[in-house]
Amino acid sequence: MLRTLMITLATLVIGLPASVAALVGLARLSGLKGGSALFAVAIGSCLLWTLLLFAVLWFTLRKAES
């Protein structure tokens, strides 16, 4: 339980800012401005962080089973 909490907090502290930065760069490259860029970054970063969290938790559980 504590290990899962620590992994979740680590991905939140490291993964969420990294995904926001990556998506801001992609929004600028694609030419989005204003509200559309903000919406794309907000939705995309939440989805990317969720994907990252599930991947890390799945890898941790798989490693713990073996």
PDB file of N, CA and C in Angstrom:
ATOM      1  N   MET A   1       0.823  -1.192   0.000  1.00  0.00           N
ATOM      2  CA  MET A   1       0.000   0.000   0.000  1.00  0.00           C
ATOM      3  C   MET A   1       0.864   1.251   0.000  1.00  0.00           C
ATOM      4  N   LEU A   2       1.864   1.295   0.867  1.00  0.00           N
ATOM      5  CA  LEU A   2       2.746   2.457   0.941  1.00  0.00           C
ATOM      6  C   LEU A   2       3.572   2.592  -0.335  1.00  0.00           C
ATOM      7  N   ARG A   3       3.967   1.461  -0.893  1.00  0.00           N
ATOM      8  CA  ARG A   3       4.742   1.491  -2.136  1.00  0.00           C
ATOM      9  C   ARG A   3       3.910   2.071  -3.275  1.00  0.00           C
ATOM     10  N   THR A   4       2.648   1.706  -3.353  1.00  0.00           N
ATOM     11  CA  THR A   4       1.760   2.238  -4.381  1.00  0.00           C
ATOM     12  C   THR A   4       1.571   3.734  -4.206  1.00  0.00           C
ATOM     13  N   LEU A   5       1.429   4.189  -2.985  1.00  0.00           N
ATOM     14  CA  LEU A   5       1.282   5.611  -2.715  1.00  0.00           C
ATOM     15  C   LEU A   5       2.539   6.369  -3.118  1.00  0.00           C
ATOM     16  N   MET A   6       3.692   5.833  -2.810  1.00  0.00           N
ATOM     17  CA  MET A   6       4.941   6.498  -3.169  1.00  0.00           C
ATOM     18  C   MET A   6       5.120   6.568  -4.688  1.00  0.00           C
ATOM     19  N   ILE A   7       4.742   5.514  -5.393  1.00  0.00           N
ATOM     20  CA  ILE A   7       4.835   5.511  -6.847  1.00  0.00           C
ATOM     21  C   ILE A   7       3.875   6.537  -7.441  1.00  0.00           C
ATOM     22  N   THR A   8       2.671   6.605  -6.903  1.00  0.00           N
ATOM     23  CA  THR A   8       1.693   7.577  -7.384  1.00  0.00           C
ATOM     24  C   THR A   8       2.185   9.002  -7.163  1.00  0.00           C
ATOM     25  N   LEU A   9       2.728   9.286  -5.998  1.00  0.00           N
ATOM     26  CA  LEU A   9       3.241  10.623  -5.723  1.00  0.00           C
ATOM     27  C   LEU A   9       4.451  10.953  -6.595  1.00  0.00           C
ATOM     28  N   ALA A  10       5.304   9.983  -6.823  1.00  0.00           N
ATOM     29  CA  ALA A  10       6.480  10.227  -7.670  1.00  0.00           C
ATOM     30  C   ALA A  10       6.077  10.532  -9.108  1.00  0.00           C
ATOM     31  N   THR A  11       5.110   9.797  -9.648  1.00  0.00           N
ATOM     32  CA  THR A  11       4.667  10.081 -11.011  1.00  0.00           C
ATOM     33  C   THR A  11       3.927  11.408 -11.072  1.00  0.00           C
ATOM     34  N   LEU A  12       3.259  11.782 -10.006  1.00  0.00           N
ATOM     35  CA  LEU A  12       2.583  13.082  -9.977  1.00  0.00           C
ATOM     36  C   LEU A  12       3.606  14.213  -9.966  1.00  0.00           C
ATOM     37  N   VAL A  13       4.644  14.081  -9.151  1.00  0.00           N
ATOM     38  CA  VAL A  13       5.646  15.143  -9.016  1.00  0.00           C
ATOM     39  C   VAL A  13       6.537  15.223 -10.256  1.00  0.00           C
ATOM     40  N   ILE A  14       6.877  14.085 -10.841  1.00  0.00           N
ATOM     41  CA  ILE A  14       7.793  14.075 -11.983  1.00  0.00           C
ATOM     42  C   ILE A  14       7.041  14.000 -13.314  1.00  0.00           C
ATOM     43  N   GLY A  15       6.071  13.130 -13.390  1.00  0.00           N
ATOM     44  CA  GLY A  15       5.410  12.867 -14.663  1.00  0.00           C
ATOM     45  C   GLY A  15       4.450  13.935 -15.128  1.00  0.00           C
ATOM     46  N   LEU A  16       3.707  14.541 -14.218  1.00  0.00           N
ATOM     47  CA  LEU A  16       2.725  15.542 -14.634  1.00  0.00           C
ATOM     48  C   LEU A  16       3.386  16.791 -15.197  1.00  0.00           C
ATOM     49  N   PRO A  17       4.392  17.375 -14.539  1.00  0.00           N
ATOM     50  CA  PRO A  17       5.044  18.537 -15.165  1.00  0.00           C
ATOM     51  C   PRO A  17       5.736  18.204 -16.489  1.00  0.00           C
ATOM     52  N   ALA A  18       6.286  17.008 -16.582  1.00  0.00           N
ATOM     53  CA  ALA A  18       6.938  16.611 -17.836  1.00  0.00           C
ATOM     54  C   ALA A  18       5.921  16.479 -18.962  1.00  0.00           C
ATOM     55  N   SER A  19       4.754  15.918 -18.666  1.00  0.00           N
ATOM     56  CA  SER A  19       3.734  15.783 -19.705  1.00  0.00           C
ATOM     57  C   SER A  19       3.151  17.144 -20.089  1.00  0.00           C
ATOM     58  N   VAL A  20       2.992  18.045 -19.120  1.00  0.00           N
ATOM     59  CA  VAL A  20       2.506  19.391 -19.434  1.00  0.00           C
ATOM     60  C   VAL A  20       3.511  20.109 -20.330  1.00  0.00           C
ATOM     61  N   ALA A  21       4.792  20.014 -19.999  1.00  0.00           N
ATOM     62  CA  ALA A  21       5.820  20.680 -20.807  1.00  0.00           C
ATOM     63  C   ALA A  21       5.857  20.124 -22.232  1.00  0.00           C
ATOM     64  N   ALA A  22       5.745  18.814 -22.351  1.00  0.00           N
ATOM     65  CA  ALA A  22       5.751  18.203 -23.682  1.00  0.00           C
ATOM     66  C   ALA A  22       4.544  18.642 -24.498  1.00  0.00           C
ATOM     67  N   LEU A  23       3.391  18.701 -23.855  1.00  0.00           N
ATOM     68  CA  LEU A  23       2.186  19.075 -24.590  1.00  0.00           C
ATOM     69  C   LEU A  23       2.138  20.564 -24.910  1.00  0.00           C
ATOM     70  N   VAL A  24       2.731  21.400 -24.074  1.00  0.00           N
ATOM     71  CA  VAL A  24       2.830  22.827 -24.413  1.00  0.00           C
ATOM     72  C   VAL A  24       3.687  22.992 -25.663  1.00  0.00           C
ATOM     73  N   GLY A  25       4.783  22.262 -25.715  1.00  0.00           N
ATOM     74  CA  GLY A  25       5.623  22.311 -26.912  1.00  0.00           C
ATOM     75  C   GLY A  25       4.892  21.837 -28.156  1.00  0.00           C
ATOM     76  N   LEU A  26       4.138  20.761 -28.030  1.00  0.00           N
ATOM     77  CA  LEU A  26       3.370  20.272 -29.174  1.00  0.00           C
ATOM     78  C   LEU A  26       2.278  21.247 -29.584  1.00  0.00           C
ATOM     79  N   ALA A  27       1.635  21.896 -28.609  1.00  0.00           N
ATOM     80  CA  ALA A  27       0.591  22.874 -28.924  1.00  0.00           C
ATOM     81  C   ALA A  27       1.179  24.069 -29.663  1.00  0.00           C
ATOM     82  N   ARG A  28       2.371  24.499 -29.249  1.00  0.00           N
ATOM     83  CA  ARG A  28       3.020  25.618 -29.938  1.00  0.00           C
ATOM     84  C   ARG A  28       3.439  25.231 -31.353  1.00  0.00           C
ATOM     85  N   LEU A  29       3.960  24.005 -31.500  1.00  0.00           N
ATOM     86  CA  LEU A  29       4.367  23.553 -32.831  1.00  0.00           C
ATOM     87  C   LEU A  29       3.179  23.433 -33.783  1.00  0.00           C
ATOM     88  N   SER A  30       2.034  23.034 -33.251  1.00  0.00           N
ATOM     89  CA  SER A  30       0.862  22.865 -34.109  1.00  0.00           C
ATOM     90  C   SER A  30       0.133  24.171 -34.372  1.00  0.00           C
ATOM     91  N   GLY A  31       0.533  25.244 -33.690  1.00  0.00           N
ATOM     92  CA  GLY A  31      -0.060  26.548 -33.959  1.00  0.00           C
ATOM     93  C   GLY A  31      -1.286  26.872 -33.134  1.00  0.00           C
ATOM     94  N   LEU A  32      -1.566  26.109 -32.110  1.00  0.00           N
ATOM     95  CA  LEU A  32      -2.727  26.408 -31.268  1.00  0.00           C
ATOM     96  C   LEU A  32      -2.429  27.619 -30.391  1.00  0.00           C
ATOM     97  N   LYS A  33      -3.445  28.450 -30.182  1.00  0.00           N
ATOM     98  CA  LYS A  33      -3.271  29.632 -29.344  1.00  0.00           C
ATOM     99  C   LYS A  33      -4.491  29.811 -28.459  1.00  0.00           C
ATOM    100  N   GLY A  34      -4.273  30.465 -27.335  1.00  0.00           N
ATOM    101  CA  GLY A  34      -5.373  30.836 -26.456  1.00  0.00           C
ATOM    102  C   GLY A  34      -6.039  29.660 -25.788  1.00  0.00           C
ATOM    103  N   GLY A  35      -7.372  29.702 -25.789  1.00  0.00           N
ATOM    104  CA  GLY A  35      -8.172  28.705 -25.095  1.00  0.00           C
ATOM    105  C   GLY A  35      -8.044  27.309 -25.667  1.00  0.00           C
ATOM    106  N   SER A  36      -7.884  27.220 -26.981  1.00  0.00           N
ATOM    107  CA  SER A  36      -7.760  25.888 -27.581  1.00  0.00           C
ATOM    108  C   SER A  36      -6.467  25.208 -27.152  1.00  0.00           C
ATOM    109  N   ALA A  37      -5.380  25.971 -27.039  1.00  0.00           N
ATOM    110  CA  ALA A  37      -4.116  25.392 -26.569  1.00  0.00           C
ATOM    111  C   ALA A  37      -4.228  24.982 -25.108  1.00  0.00           C
ATOM    112  N   LEU A  38      -4.857  25.824 -24.295  1.00  0.00           N
ATOM    113  CA  LEU A  38      -5.030  25.498 -22.879  1.00  0.00           C
ATOM    114  C   LEU A  38      -5.867  24.239 -22.703  1.00  0.00           C
ATOM    115  N   PHE A  39      -6.947  24.131 -23.464  1.00  0.00           N
ATOM    116  CA  PHE A  39      -7.803  22.947 -23.384  1.00  0.00           C
ATOM    117  C   PHE A  39      -7.043  21.694 -23.818  1.00  0.00           C
ATOM    118  N   ALA A  40      -6.303  21.797 -24.915  1.00  0.00           N
ATOM    119  CA  ALA A  40      -5.553  20.637 -25.417  1.00  0.00           C
ATOM    120  C   ALA A  40      -4.490  20.196 -24.413  1.00  0.00           C
ATOM    121  N   VAL A  41      -3.805  21.145 -23.801  1.00  0.00           N
ATOM    122  CA  VAL A  41      -2.773  20.804 -22.828  1.00  0.00           C
ATOM    123  C   VAL A  41      -3.396  20.206 -21.571  1.00  0.00           C
ATOM    124  N   ALA A  42      -4.502  20.773 -21.104  1.00  0.00           N
ATOM    125  CA  ALA A  42      -5.146  20.265 -19.885  1.00  0.00           C
ATOM    126  C   ALA A  42      -5.642  18.834 -20.069  1.00  0.00           C
ATOM    127  N   ILE A  43      -6.362  18.591 -21.144  1.00  0.00           N
ATOM    128  CA  ILE A  43      -6.901  17.248 -21.391  1.00  0.00           C
ATOM    129  C   ILE A  43      -5.772  16.266 -21.694  1.00  0.00           C
ATOM    130  N   GLY A  44      -4.862  16.671 -22.539  1.00  0.00           N
ATOM    131  CA  GLY A  44      -3.768  15.774 -22.927  1.00  0.00           C
ATOM    132  C   GLY A  44      -2.856  15.418 -21.770  1.00  0.00           C
ATOM    133  N   SER A  45      -2.564  16.393 -20.906  1.00  0.00           N
ATOM    134  CA  SER A  45      -1.670  16.091 -19.788  1.00  0.00           C
ATOM    135  C   SER A  45      -2.327  15.160 -18.785  1.00  0.00           C
ATOM    136  N   CYS A  46      -3.620  15.315 -18.571  1.00  0.00           N
ATOM    137  CA  CYS A  46      -4.320  14.384 -17.678  1.00  0.00           C
ATOM    138  C   CYS A  46      -4.305  12.968 -18.244  1.00  0.00           C
ATOM    139  N   LEU A  47      -4.559  12.840 -19.523  1.00  0.00           N
ATOM    140  CA  LEU A  47      -4.541  11.516 -20.149  1.00  0.00           C
ATOM    141  C   LEU A  47      -3.148  10.913 -20.154  1.00  0.00           C
ATOM    142  N   LEU A  48      -2.149  11.730 -20.463  1.00  0.00           N
ATOM    143  CA  LEU A  48      -0.779  11.226 -20.496  1.00  0.00           C
ATOM    144  C   LEU A  48      -0.298  10.828 -19.113  1.00  0.00           C
ATOM    145  N   TRP A  49      -0.647  11.616 -18.091  1.00  0.00           N
ATOM    146  CA  TRP A  49      -0.241  11.279 -16.729  1.00  0.00           C
ATOM    147  C   TRP A  49      -0.937  10.000 -16.267  1.00  0.00           C
ATOM    148  N   THR A  50      -2.199   9.833 -16.599  1.00  0.00           N
ATOM    149  CA  THR A  50      -2.921   8.613 -16.228  1.00  0.00           C
ATOM    150  C   THR A  50      -2.293   7.398 -16.893  1.00  0.00           C
ATOM    151  N   LEU A  51      -1.944   7.526 -18.156  1.00  0.00           N
ATOM    152  CA  LEU A  51      -1.277   6.430 -18.864  1.00  0.00           C
ATOM    153  C   LEU A  51       0.070   6.108 -18.227  1.00  0.00           C
ATOM    154  N   LEU A  52       0.825   7.131 -17.880  1.00  0.00           N
ATOM    155  CA  LEU A  52       2.108   6.922 -17.222  1.00  0.00           C
ATOM    156  C   LEU A  52       1.940   6.237 -15.873  1.00  0.00           C
ATOM    157  N   LEU A  53       0.960   6.664 -15.096  1.00  0.00           N
ATOM    158  CA  LEU A  53       0.722   6.072 -13.783  1.00  0.00           C
ATOM    159  C   LEU A  53       0.362   4.595 -13.898  1.00  0.00           C
ATOM    160  N   PHE A  54      -0.554   4.257 -14.802  1.00  0.00           N
ATOM    161  CA  PHE A  54      -0.927   2.859 -14.970  1.00  0.00           C
ATOM    162  C   PHE A  54       0.243   2.018 -15.466  1.00  0.00           C
ATOM    163  N   ALA A  55       1.071   2.572 -16.336  1.00  0.00           N
ATOM    164  CA  ALA A  55       2.227   1.824 -16.832  1.00  0.00           C
ATOM    165  C   ALA A  55       3.220   1.543 -15.711  1.00  0.00           C
ATOM    166  N   VAL A  56       3.480   2.539 -14.877  1.00  0.00           N
ATOM    167  CA  VAL A  56       4.425   2.349 -13.777  1.00  0.00           C
ATOM    168  C   VAL A  56       3.869   1.367 -12.754  1.00  0.00           C
ATOM    169  N   LEU A  57       2.606   1.494 -12.413  1.00  0.00           N
ATOM    170  CA  LEU A  57       2.008   0.569 -11.451  1.00  0.00           C
ATOM    171  C   LEU A  57       1.968  -0.855 -11.998  1.00  0.00           C
ATOM    172  N   TRP A  58       1.658  -1.017 -13.281  1.00  0.00           N
ATOM    173  CA  TRP A  58       1.627  -2.342 -13.891  1.00  0.00           C
ATOM    174  C   TRP A  58       3.019  -2.964 -13.873  1.00  0.00           C
ATOM    175  N   PHE A  59       4.040  -2.167 -14.206  1.00  0.00           N
ATOM    176  CA  PHE A  59       5.408  -2.676 -14.197  1.00  0.00           C
ATOM    177  C   PHE A  59       5.818  -3.064 -12.785  1.00  0.00           C
ATOM    178  N   THR A  60       5.439  -2.266 -11.800  1.00  0.00           N
ATOM    179  CA  THR A  60       5.799  -2.560 -10.408  1.00  0.00           C
ATOM    180  C   THR A  60       5.116  -3.827  -9.928  1.00  0.00           C
ATOM    181  N   LEU A  61       3.848  -3.983 -10.235  1.00  0.00           N
ATOM    182  CA  LEU A  61       3.126  -5.189  -9.809  1.00  0.00           C
ATOM    183  C   LEU A  61       3.660  -6.423 -10.517  1.00  0.00           C
ATOM    184  N   ARG A  62       3.998  -6.283 -11.780  1.00  0.00           N
ATOM    185  CA  ARG A  62       4.551  -7.413 -12.526  1.00  0.00           C
ATOM    186  C   ARG A  62       5.910  -7.823 -11.953  1.00  0.00           C
ATOM    187  N   LYS A  63       6.710  -6.835 -11.581  1.00  0.00           N
ATOM    188  CA  LYS A  63       8.028  -7.119 -11.014  1.00  0.00           C
ATOM    189  C   LYS A  63       7.900  -7.737  -9.623  1.00  0.00           C
ATOM    190  N   ALA A  64       6.896  -7.321  -8.860  1.00  0.00           N
ATOM    191  CA  ALA A  64       6.706  -7.851  -7.506  1.00  0.00           C
ATOM    192  C   ALA A  64       6.220  -9.307  -7.549  1.00  0.00           C
ATOM    193  N   GLU A  65       5.493  -9.679  -8.581  1.00  0.00           N
ATOM    194  CA  GLU A  65       4.985 -11.053  -8.685  1.00  0.00           C
ATOM    195  C   GLU A  65       6.098 -12.036  -9.040  1.00  0.00           C
ATOM    196  N   SER A  66       7.091 -11.587  -9.754  1.00  0.00           N
ATOM    197  CA  SER A  66       8.157 -12.519 -10.193  1.00  0.00           C
ATOM    198  C   SER A  66       9.315 -12.569  -9.237  1.00  0.00           C
TER     199      SER A  66
END
